[in-house]
Amino acid sequence: MTAPKDIAAFNQAEKEEISVRELAALGGRKLVYIRAVAARDVLDRFSQEFADIDIDIEEDATLYSVHSADGERIALVGDRELAFAAARQHEMNPVSVH
């Protein structure tokens, strides 16, 4: 099996480093990344930002963080499937990141 010409050309091209901004532009505003996070890793920050809201989440719970292509967190969801559904509902293309 042979590789398509465009893939072969890519493999032969000189490797260049890509900046964070250039990497973010590849996905545009449509691509979002979803990854699992431990609640304990984000609860302190949210408690400070939203001091007037009572946040009742177990510290050992798993949450799902939705990030834009540039790495900015745009949502924090309690269920993986809900995170993907919400992204699609907002006309975004979610991908999983480990």
N, C-alpha and C. Protein backbone atom coordinates (compact mmCIF):
# COMPACT_ATOMS: atom_id res chain seq x y z
N MET A 1 0.84 -1.17 0.00
CA MET A 1 0.00 0.00 0.00
C MET A 1 0.89 1.24 0.00
N THR A 2 0.62 2.17 -0.86
CA THR A 2 1.43 3.39 -0.93
C THR A 2 0.68 4.55 -0.32
N ALA A 3 1.44 5.49 0.20
CA ALA A 3 0.84 6.69 0.81
C ALA A 3 0.41 7.65 -0.27
N PRO A 4 -0.69 8.38 -0.05
CA PRO A 4 -1.08 9.40 -1.01
C PRO A 4 0.03 10.44 -1.16
N LYS A 5 0.06 11.08 -2.33
CA LYS A 5 1.14 12.04 -2.61
C LYS A 5 1.23 13.15 -1.58
N ASP A 6 0.09 13.67 -1.12
CA ASP A 6 0.14 14.77 -0.17
C ASP A 6 0.73 14.35 1.17
N ILE A 7 0.49 13.10 1.59
CA ILE A 7 1.09 12.61 2.84
C ILE A 7 2.58 12.40 2.65
N ALA A 8 2.98 11.85 1.51
CA ALA A 8 4.40 11.65 1.24
C ALA A 8 5.12 12.99 1.22
N ALA A 9 4.49 14.01 0.62
CA ALA A 9 5.11 15.33 0.56
C ALA A 9 5.25 15.91 1.96
N PHE A 10 4.25 15.68 2.82
CA PHE A 10 4.31 16.16 4.19
C PHE A 10 5.46 15.51 4.94
N ASN A 11 5.62 14.20 4.77
CA ASN A 11 6.67 13.48 5.45
C ASN A 11 8.06 13.93 5.01
N GLN A 12 8.18 14.37 3.76
CA GLN A 12 9.47 14.78 3.25
C GLN A 12 9.76 16.25 3.54
N ALA A 13 8.73 17.00 3.89
CA ALA A 13 8.92 18.43 4.13
C ALA A 13 9.81 18.65 5.34
N GLU A 14 10.50 19.79 5.33
CA GLU A 14 11.34 20.14 6.47
C GLU A 14 10.45 20.42 7.67
N LYS A 15 10.79 19.85 8.81
CA LYS A 15 9.98 20.05 10.00
C LYS A 15 10.24 21.44 10.55
N GLU A 16 9.15 22.14 10.88
CA GLU A 16 9.23 23.46 11.46
C GLU A 16 8.45 23.47 12.76
N GLU A 17 8.90 24.27 13.71
CA GLU A 17 8.14 24.41 14.94
C GLU A 17 6.94 25.30 14.66
N ILE A 18 5.87 25.03 15.38
CA ILE A 18 4.65 25.80 15.21
C ILE A 18 4.34 26.49 16.54
N SER A 19 3.94 27.74 16.46
CA SER A 19 3.65 28.49 17.68
C SER A 19 2.28 28.08 18.23
N VAL A 20 2.03 28.42 19.48
CA VAL A 20 0.74 28.13 20.10
C VAL A 20 -0.37 28.82 19.32
N ARG A 21 -0.14 30.04 18.90
CA ARG A 21 -1.16 30.79 18.14
C ARG A 21 -1.45 30.11 16.80
N GLU A 22 -0.40 29.64 16.11
CA GLU A 22 -0.59 28.95 14.83
C GLU A 22 -1.32 27.63 15.04
N LEU A 23 -0.99 26.92 16.12
CA LEU A 23 -1.66 25.66 16.42
C LEU A 23 -3.14 25.90 16.70
N ALA A 24 -3.44 26.94 17.45
CA ALA A 24 -4.84 27.27 17.76
C ALA A 24 -5.61 27.62 16.49
N ALA A 25 -4.95 28.28 15.56
CA ALA A 25 -5.62 28.69 14.33
C ALA A 25 -5.98 27.48 13.46
N LEU A 26 -5.27 26.38 13.62
CA LEU A 26 -5.57 25.18 12.83
C LEU A 26 -6.99 24.70 13.07
N GLY A 27 -7.41 24.75 14.31
CA GLY A 27 -8.75 24.28 14.65
C GLY A 27 -9.81 25.34 14.51
N GLY A 28 -9.39 26.58 14.40
CA GLY A 28 -10.37 27.65 14.34
C GLY A 28 -11.22 27.68 15.59
N ARG A 29 -12.36 28.29 15.50
CA ARG A 29 -13.25 28.36 16.65
C ARG A 29 -14.16 27.14 16.72
N LYS A 30 -14.10 26.28 15.76
CA LYS A 30 -15.00 25.13 15.71
C LYS A 30 -14.46 23.91 16.47
N LEU A 31 -13.16 23.81 16.64
CA LEU A 31 -12.56 22.65 17.28
C LEU A 31 -12.38 22.91 18.78
N VAL A 32 -12.90 21.99 19.59
CA VAL A 32 -12.71 22.09 21.04
C VAL A 32 -12.17 20.77 21.56
N TYR A 33 -11.44 20.85 22.65
CA TYR A 33 -10.81 19.68 23.26
C TYR A 33 -11.49 19.40 24.58
N ILE A 34 -11.78 18.15 24.83
CA ILE A 34 -12.42 17.74 26.08
C ILE A 34 -11.50 16.78 26.80
N ARG A 35 -11.25 17.08 28.08
CA ARG A 35 -10.40 16.19 28.85
C ARG A 35 -10.93 16.06 30.27
N ALA A 36 -10.66 14.92 30.85
CA ALA A 36 -11.06 14.66 32.22
C ALA A 36 -10.14 15.41 33.17
N VAL A 37 -10.72 15.97 34.22
CA VAL A 37 -9.94 16.65 35.26
C VAL A 37 -10.49 16.23 36.62
N ALA A 38 -9.62 16.19 37.59
CA ALA A 38 -10.06 15.91 38.96
C ALA A 38 -10.69 17.17 39.54
N ALA A 39 -11.82 17.03 40.17
CA ALA A 39 -12.52 18.19 40.73
C ALA A 39 -11.61 18.96 41.68
N ARG A 40 -10.81 18.27 42.47
CA ARG A 40 -9.94 18.94 43.43
C ARG A 40 -8.96 19.90 42.76
N ASP A 41 -8.64 19.63 41.47
CA ASP A 41 -7.70 20.48 40.74
C ASP A 41 -8.31 21.79 40.28
N VAL A 42 -9.63 21.88 40.26
CA VAL A 42 -10.28 23.11 39.76
C VAL A 42 -11.19 23.77 40.78
N LEU A 43 -11.56 23.08 41.86
CA LEU A 43 -12.52 23.63 42.82
C LEU A 43 -12.02 24.88 43.52
N ASP A 44 -10.76 24.93 43.91
CA ASP A 44 -10.24 26.12 44.60
C ASP A 44 -10.39 27.36 43.73
N ARG A 45 -10.03 27.24 42.47
CA ARG A 45 -10.12 28.38 41.54
C ARG A 45 -11.57 28.83 41.38
N PHE A 46 -12.48 27.87 41.21
CA PHE A 46 -13.88 28.22 41.03
C PHE A 46 -14.48 28.79 42.30
N SER A 47 -14.07 28.30 43.45
CA SER A 47 -14.55 28.84 44.71
C SER A 47 -14.15 30.29 44.87
N GLN A 48 -12.97 30.66 44.39
CA GLN A 48 -12.51 32.05 44.46
C GLN A 48 -13.25 32.92 43.46
N GLU A 49 -13.45 32.43 42.24
CA GLU A 49 -14.11 33.20 41.20
C GLU A 49 -15.60 33.38 41.46
N PHE A 50 -16.22 32.36 42.03
CA PHE A 50 -17.66 32.38 42.26
C PHE A 50 -17.95 32.20 43.74
N ALA A 51 -17.43 33.10 44.55
CA ALA A 51 -17.54 32.99 46.01
C ALA A 51 -18.99 33.02 46.48
N ASP A 52 -19.86 33.67 45.73
CA ASP A 52 -21.26 33.80 46.15
C ASP A 52 -22.12 32.60 45.75
N ILE A 53 -21.53 31.62 45.06
CA ILE A 53 -22.27 30.43 44.62
C ILE A 53 -21.78 29.23 45.43
N ASP A 54 -22.72 28.47 45.95
CA ASP A 54 -22.37 27.26 46.70
C ASP A 54 -22.09 26.13 45.71
N ILE A 55 -20.84 25.66 45.68
CA ILE A 55 -20.44 24.59 44.76
C ILE A 55 -20.38 23.30 45.56
N ASP A 56 -21.26 22.37 45.23
CA ASP A 56 -21.36 21.11 45.96
C ASP A 56 -20.89 19.96 45.08
N ILE A 57 -19.57 19.81 45.00
CA ILE A 57 -18.96 18.75 44.19
C ILE A 57 -17.92 18.05 45.05
N GLU A 58 -17.96 16.73 45.04
CA GLU A 58 -16.97 15.95 45.77
C GLU A 58 -15.57 16.20 45.20
N GLU A 59 -14.57 16.30 46.05
CA GLU A 59 -13.21 16.54 45.57
C GLU A 59 -12.65 15.41 44.73
N ASP A 60 -13.12 14.20 44.94
CA ASP A 60 -12.61 13.07 44.16
C ASP A 60 -13.44 12.80 42.90
N ALA A 61 -14.39 13.69 42.59
CA ALA A 61 -15.21 13.53 41.38
C ALA A 61 -14.38 13.85 40.13
N THR A 62 -14.80 13.27 39.02
CA THR A 62 -14.18 13.56 37.72
C THR A 62 -15.08 14.52 36.97
N LEU A 63 -14.51 15.61 36.50
CA LEU A 63 -15.22 16.59 35.69
C LEU A 63 -14.62 16.56 34.29
N TYR A 64 -15.29 17.18 33.35
CA TYR A 64 -14.80 17.22 31.97
C TYR A 64 -14.67 18.68 31.55
N SER A 65 -13.46 19.04 31.23
CA SER A 65 -13.12 20.41 30.87
C SER A 65 -13.12 20.55 29.35
N VAL A 66 -13.83 21.56 28.87
CA VAL A 66 -13.91 21.84 27.44
C VAL A 66 -13.03 23.05 27.16
N HIS A 67 -12.07 22.87 26.24
CA HIS A 67 -11.11 23.93 25.93
C HIS A 67 -11.19 24.33 24.47
N SER A 68 -11.02 25.63 24.23
CA SER A 68 -10.93 26.10 22.85
C SER A 68 -9.58 25.69 22.29
N ALA A 69 -9.39 25.88 21.01
CA ALA A 69 -8.15 25.46 20.35
C ALA A 69 -6.93 26.15 20.94
N ASP A 70 -7.10 27.35 21.52
CA ASP A 70 -5.96 28.05 22.10
C ASP A 70 -5.71 27.66 23.56
N GLY A 71 -6.49 26.69 24.08
CA GLY A 71 -6.27 26.18 25.42
C GLY A 71 -7.14 26.81 26.49
N GLU A 72 -7.90 27.82 26.16
CA GLU A 72 -8.76 28.49 27.14
C GLU A 72 -9.92 27.57 27.53
N ARG A 73 -10.14 27.42 28.84
CA ARG A 73 -11.27 26.61 29.29
C ARG A 73 -12.54 27.39 29.04
N ILE A 74 -13.48 26.76 28.34
CA ILE A 74 -14.73 27.45 28.05
C ILE A 74 -15.92 26.80 28.76
N ALA A 75 -15.73 25.62 29.31
CA ALA A 75 -16.80 24.97 30.07
C ALA A 75 -16.22 23.90 30.97
N LEU A 76 -16.96 23.62 32.01
CA LEU A 76 -16.62 22.53 32.93
C LEU A 76 -17.91 21.77 33.17
N VAL A 77 -17.91 20.49 32.84
CA VAL A 77 -19.13 19.69 32.83
C VAL A 77 -18.92 18.44 33.69
N GLY A 78 -19.99 17.97 34.29
CA GLY A 78 -19.91 16.81 35.16
C GLY A 78 -20.02 15.47 34.47
N ASP A 79 -20.30 15.46 33.16
CA ASP A 79 -20.51 14.23 32.43
C ASP A 79 -19.85 14.32 31.05
N ARG A 80 -19.11 13.29 30.67
CA ARG A 80 -18.38 13.31 29.39
C ARG A 80 -19.31 13.44 28.19
N GLU A 81 -20.36 12.63 28.17
CA GLU A 81 -21.29 12.67 27.04
C GLU A 81 -21.98 14.03 26.94
N LEU A 82 -22.29 14.63 28.08
CA LEU A 82 -22.91 15.95 28.09
C LEU A 82 -21.94 17.01 27.55
N ALA A 83 -20.66 16.87 27.86
CA ALA A 83 -19.66 17.81 27.34
C ALA A 83 -19.61 17.75 25.81
N PHE A 84 -19.61 16.54 25.26
CA PHE A 84 -19.60 16.37 23.80
C PHE A 84 -20.89 16.90 23.18
N ALA A 85 -22.03 16.59 23.82
CA ALA A 85 -23.32 17.04 23.29
C ALA A 85 -23.42 18.56 23.31
N ALA A 86 -22.97 19.19 24.38
CA ALA A 86 -23.02 20.65 24.48
C ALA A 86 -22.15 21.30 23.41
N ALA A 87 -20.97 20.73 23.19
CA ALA A 87 -20.09 21.28 22.15
C ALA A 87 -20.75 21.18 20.78
N ARG A 88 -21.33 20.03 20.49
CA ARG A 88 -22.00 19.85 19.19
C ARG A 88 -23.21 20.78 19.05
N GLN A 89 -23.93 20.99 20.15
CA GLN A 89 -25.10 21.86 20.12
C GLN A 89 -24.69 23.30 19.77
N HIS A 90 -23.47 23.66 20.13
CA HIS A 90 -22.96 25.00 19.83
C HIS A 90 -22.13 25.01 18.54
N GLU A 91 -22.36 23.99 17.70
CA GLU A 91 -21.73 23.88 16.39
C GLU A 91 -20.21 23.82 16.46
N MET A 92 -19.71 23.12 17.48
CA MET A 92 -18.28 22.90 17.64
C MET A 92 -17.99 21.43 17.40
N ASN A 93 -16.74 21.13 17.08
CA ASN A 93 -16.30 19.77 16.83
C ASN A 93 -15.43 19.31 17.99
N PRO A 94 -15.99 18.52 18.92
CA PRO A 94 -15.22 18.09 20.08
C PRO A 94 -14.30 16.91 19.78
N VAL A 95 -13.12 16.94 20.40
CA VAL A 95 -12.19 15.81 20.34
C VAL A 95 -11.71 15.54 21.76
N SER A 96 -11.41 14.30 22.04
CA SER A 96 -10.96 13.90 23.35
C SER A 96 -9.45 14.05 23.48
N VAL A 97 -9.02 14.55 24.62
CA VAL A 97 -7.58 14.69 24.91
C VAL A 97 -7.31 13.97 26.22
N HIS A 98 -6.21 13.24 26.28
CA HIS A 98 -5.89 12.49 27.49
C HIS A 98 -4.80 13.18 28.27
